[in-house]
Structures are given as structure tokens and as C-alpha cells.
C-alpha atoms as a PDB file:
ATOM      1  CA  MET A   1     121.862 -17.364 -82.291  1.00  0.00           C
ATOM      2  CA  ARG A   2     118.141 -18.128 -82.360  1.00  0.00           C
ATOM      3  CA  SER A   3     117.697 -17.041 -78.738  1.00  0.00           C
ATOM      4  CA  ALA A   4     119.426 -13.742 -79.542  1.00  0.00           C
ATOM      5  CA  LEU A   5     116.986 -13.152 -82.400  1.00  0.00           C
ATOM      6  CA  VAL A   6     114.025 -13.970 -80.167  1.00  0.00           C
ATOM      7  CA  LEU A   7     115.342 -11.595 -77.491  1.00  0.00           C
ATOM      8  CA  ALA A   8     115.873  -8.822 -80.050  1.00  0.00           C
ATOM      9  CA  ALA A   9     112.333  -9.305 -81.404  1.00  0.00           C
ATOM     10  CA  ALA A  10     110.933  -9.204 -77.862  1.00  0.00           C
ATOM     11  CA  LEU A  11     112.782  -5.959 -77.104  1.00  0.00           C
ATOM     12  CA  VAL A  12     111.475  -4.325 -80.284  1.00  0.00           C
ATOM     13  CA  ALA A  13     107.940  -5.480 -79.471  1.00  0.00           C
ATOM     14  CA  ALA A  14     108.227  -4.230 -75.880  1.00  0.00           C
ATOM     15  CA  ALA A  15     109.245  -0.820 -77.164  1.00  0.00           C
ATOM     16  CA  ALA A  16     106.193  -0.761 -79.440  1.00  0.00           C
ATOM     17  CA  TRP A  17     103.827  -1.537 -76.517  1.00  0.00           C
ATOM     18  CA  ALA A  18     105.427   1.195 -74.489  1.00  0.00           C
ATOM     19  CA  ASP A  19     104.449   3.543 -77.294  1.00  0.00           C
ATOM     20  CA  GLY A  20     100.885   2.221 -77.463  1.00  0.00           C
ATOM     21  CA  ASP A  21      98.193   4.852 -77.021  1.00  0.00           C
ATOM     22  CA  ALA A  22      94.985   3.665 -75.343  1.00  0.00           C
ATOM     23  CA  GLN A  23      92.861   6.416 -76.905  1.00  0.00           C
ATOM     24  CA  ARG A  24      94.017   5.540 -80.409  1.00  0.00           C
ATOM     25  CA  GLY A  25      93.633   1.912 -79.386  1.00  0.00           C
ATOM     26  CA  ARG A  26      89.969   2.389 -78.465  1.00  0.00           C
ATOM     27  CA  LEU A  27      89.267   3.804 -81.915  1.00  0.00           C
ATOM     28  CA  ALA A  28      91.302   1.072 -83.616  1.00  0.00           C
ATOM     29  CA  TYR A  29      89.530  -1.570 -81.510  1.00  0.00           C
ATOM     30  CA  GLU A  30      86.143  -0.282 -82.615  1.00  0.00           C
ATOM     31  CA  ALA A  31      87.234  -0.195 -86.270  1.00  0.00           C
ATOM     32  CA  ARG A  32      89.237  -3.441 -86.419  1.00  0.00           C
ATOM     33  CA  CYS A  33      87.771  -5.657 -83.707  1.00  0.00           C
ATOM     34  CA  GLY A  34      84.250  -4.342 -83.132  1.00  0.00           C
ATOM     35  CA  GLY A  35      82.699  -6.314 -85.980  1.00  0.00           C
ATOM     36  CA  CYS A  36      83.230  -9.548 -84.052  1.00  0.00           C
ATOM     37  CA  HIS A  37      84.073  -8.515 -80.472  1.00  0.00           C
ATOM     38  CA  SER A  38      82.711  -6.317 -77.722  1.00  0.00           C
ATOM     39  CA  VAL A  39      84.217  -5.235 -74.447  1.00  0.00           C
ATOM     40  CA  ASP A  40      81.325  -6.480 -72.311  1.00  0.00           C
ATOM     41  CA  ALA A  41      79.377  -9.011 -74.386  1.00  0.00           C
ATOM     42  CA  ASP A  42      80.158 -12.153 -76.340  1.00  0.00           C
ATOM     43  CA  ARG A  43      79.506 -11.879 -80.061  1.00  0.00           C
ATOM     44  CA  ILE A  44      81.134 -13.867 -82.871  1.00  0.00           C
ATOM     45  CA  GLY A  45      84.201 -13.641 -80.632  1.00  0.00           C
ATOM     46  CA  PRO A  46      84.382 -13.503 -76.828  1.00  0.00           C
ATOM     47  CA  ARG A  47      84.184 -10.295 -74.761  1.00  0.00           C
ATOM     48  CA  HIS A  48      87.459  -8.591 -73.995  1.00  0.00           C
ATOM     49  CA  ALA A  49      86.988  -6.956 -70.586  1.00  0.00           C
ATOM     50  CA  GLY A  50      89.673  -8.377 -68.341  1.00  0.00           C
ATOM     51  CA  ILE A  51      91.563 -10.109 -71.143  1.00  0.00           C
ATOM     52  CA  VAL A  52      95.022  -9.133 -69.861  1.00  0.00           C
ATOM     53  CA  GLY A  53      95.926 -11.779 -67.291  1.00  0.00           C
ATOM     54  CA  ARG A  54      93.074 -14.102 -68.290  1.00  0.00           C
ATOM     55  CA  ARG A  55      93.652 -17.670 -69.441  1.00  0.00           C
ATOM     56  CA  ALA A  56      92.945 -18.040 -73.164  1.00  0.00           C
ATOM     57  CA  GLY A  57      89.700 -19.826 -73.927  1.00  0.00           C
ATOM     58  CA  SER A  58      88.206 -19.283 -70.490  1.00  0.00           C
ATOM     59  CA  VAL A  59      85.246 -16.876 -70.826  1.00  0.00           C
ATOM     60  CA  PRO A  60      82.351 -18.868 -69.350  1.00  0.00           C
ATOM     61  CA  GLY A  61      79.752 -19.892 -71.904  1.00  0.00           C
ATOM     62  CA  PHE A  62      81.748 -18.964 -75.003  1.00  0.00           C
ATOM     63  CA  ALA A  63      82.269 -21.778 -77.543  1.00  0.00           C
ATOM     64  CA  TYR A  64      86.031 -21.671 -78.121  1.00  0.00           C
ATOM     65  CA  SER A  65      87.962 -23.959 -80.440  1.00  0.00           C
ATOM     66  CA  ASP A  66      89.540 -26.932 -78.697  1.00  0.00           C
ATOM     67  CA  ALA A  67      92.938 -25.574 -79.766  1.00  0.00           C
ATOM     68  CA  LEU A  68      92.523 -22.260 -77.953  1.00  0.00           C
ATOM     69  CA  ARG A  69      90.763 -23.720 -74.909  1.00  0.00           C
ATOM     70  CA  SER A  70      93.584 -26.221 -74.374  1.00  0.00           C
ATOM     71  CA  SER A  71      96.461 -23.864 -75.285  1.00  0.00           C
ATOM     72  CA  GLY A  72      97.369 -23.054 -71.676  1.00  0.00           C
ATOM     73  CA  LEU A  73      98.144 -19.454 -72.655  1.00  0.00           C
ATOM     74  CA  VAL A  74      97.574 -16.528 -70.315  1.00  0.00           C
ATOM     75  CA  TRP A  75      97.113 -13.264 -72.193  1.00  0.00           C
ATOM     76  CA  ASP A  76      99.769 -10.615 -71.672  1.00  0.00           C
ATOM     77  CA  ALA A  77     101.023  -7.875 -73.994  1.00  0.00           C
ATOM     78  CA  ALA A  78     103.570 -10.112 -75.732  1.00  0.00           C
ATOM     79  CA  LEU A  79     101.069 -12.883 -76.440  1.00  0.00           C
ATOM     80  CA  LEU A  80      98.373 -10.454 -77.528  1.00  0.00           C
ATOM     81  CA  ASP A  81     100.826  -8.916 -79.986  1.00  0.00           C
ATOM     82  CA  ARG A  82     101.706 -12.328 -81.424  1.00  0.00           C
ATOM     83  CA  TRP A  83      98.017 -13.298 -81.527  1.00  0.00           C
ATOM     84  CA  LEU A  84      96.902 -10.161 -83.313  1.00  0.00           C
ATOM     85  CA  ALA A  85      99.775 -10.436 -85.806  1.00  0.00           C
ATOM     86  CA  ASN A  86      99.014 -14.074 -86.688  1.00  0.00           C
ATOM     87  CA  PRO A  87      96.586 -16.093 -84.545  1.00  0.00           C
ATOM     88  CA  GLU A  88      97.100 -19.324 -86.485  1.00  0.00           C
ATOM     89  CA  ALA A  89     100.873 -19.205 -86.018  1.00  0.00           C
ATOM     90  CA  LEU A  90     100.418 -18.849 -82.256  1.00  0.00           C
ATOM     91  CA  VAL A  91      97.622 -21.416 -81.835  1.00  0.00           C
ATOM     92  CA  PRO A  92      97.211 -23.748 -84.810  1.00  0.00           C
ATOM     93  CA  GLY A  93      93.583 -24.815 -85.181  1.00  0.00           C
ATOM     94  CA  GLN A  94      92.053 -21.705 -83.582  1.00  0.00           C
ATOM     95  CA  ARG A  95      89.130 -20.021 -85.374  1.00  0.00           C
ATOM     96  CA  MET A  96      90.022 -16.321 -85.636  1.00  0.00           C
ATOM     97  CA  GLY A  97      90.603 -15.623 -89.315  1.00  0.00           C
ATOM     98  CA  TYR A  98      91.923 -12.072 -88.982  1.00  0.00           C
ATOM     99  CA  ARG A  99      95.437 -10.619 -88.754  1.00  0.00           C
ATOM    100  CA  LEU A 100      96.476  -7.131 -87.791  1.00  0.00           C
ATOM    101  CA  THR A 101      99.763  -6.447 -89.566  1.00  0.00           C
ATOM    102  CA  ASP A 102     100.402  -2.871 -88.389  1.00  0.00           C
ATOM    103  CA  ALA A 103     102.639  -3.023 -85.287  1.00  0.00           C
ATOM    104  CA  GLN A 104     101.619   0.431 -84.025  1.00  0.00           C
ATOM    105  CA  GLU A 105      97.944  -0.380 -84.344  1.00  0.00           C
ATOM    106  CA  ARG A 106      98.518  -3.609 -82.391  1.00  0.00           C
ATOM    107  CA  ALA A 107     100.380  -1.666 -79.696  1.00  0.00           C
ATOM    108  CA  ASP A 108      97.549   0.858 -79.453  1.00  0.00           C
ATOM    109  CA  ILE A 109      94.879  -1.855 -79.213  1.00  0.00           C
ATOM    110  CA  ILE A 110      96.886  -3.715 -76.570  1.00  0.00           C
ATOM    111  CA  ALA A 111      97.271  -0.471 -74.585  1.00  0.00           C
ATOM    112  CA  TYR A 112      93.480  -0.057 -74.761  1.00  0.00           C
ATOM    113  CA  LEU A 113      92.801  -3.680 -73.777  1.00  0.00           C
ATOM    114  CA  ALA A 114      95.083  -3.215 -70.759  1.00  0.00           C
ATOM    115  CA  THR A 115      92.697  -0.526 -69.482  1.00  0.00           C
ATOM    116  CA  LEU A 116      89.742  -2.931 -69.453  1.00  0.00           C
ATOM    117  CA  GLY A 117      89.710  -4.367 -65.960  1.00  0.00           C
ATOM    118  CA  SER A 118      88.067  -7.664 -65.144  1.00  0.00           C
ATOM    119  CA  GLY A 119      85.317  -5.874 -63.229  1.00  0.00           C
ATOM    120  CA  ARG A 120      83.612  -5.036 -66.532  1.00  0.00           C
ATOM    121  CA  HIS A 121      81.701  -8.272 -67.116  1.00  0.00           C
END
């Protein structure tokens, strides 16, 4: 039963990412994430260029929490959605104190992040 619920949740989330709009996501990123993050530079939080496919806690020189650095996660759309919805639930002991509750806004931001290749460092 639990696996069926997890599968159903994953299918709903996948549909939301498919509907993500990178242009809206860029604007939402600037409004929601830009206070702490940048695409190309570390700030309060690490830079996001190349985040999709990158191991969590691996930007050289950024001071991550031990919890995130040792999580073993590799960022993909599903994990980014879970992270943005509730970082502490995904990685207990991490330091990001912000949640993004709007599923469409998360999908848009993830669509935007997916456009940021790793060559932008």
C-alpha cells in the first residue's frame, strides 16, 4: 500500500515538472531564491549553475552542513522538488531554513535550474 502511495505521489510530481516553465522559473528563482543564492556565485547558499546531476554538498569551497555533505544525494527533479518543499524532511540537520510550498512554483524553478548547465561556473 505504501509503495502505491509513493508511486502515485511520484507520478503527480512528475506531471508538475513537465508543466514547469523555465521563464516563470527564472522570475520565481530571483524572487524566492535570489536573497541567498546566485546562479554563478556562492552567497549565503551555494551557486546553482549545474545543480541538476551534481552531488549534494559538493560545490568546492562552500561550507555545507555535515548532513548535506554526507547525504549521498545527487540532485534531480524529484529530489529538488522534495528539497524545496521541505529541506529538513529530506536531509535532517541541513541548514536551509526555507520551504517553497507552491507545487507549480517549485516546478517552474526546477525547470529553470535544469537550463543552467555546469559550464556556468
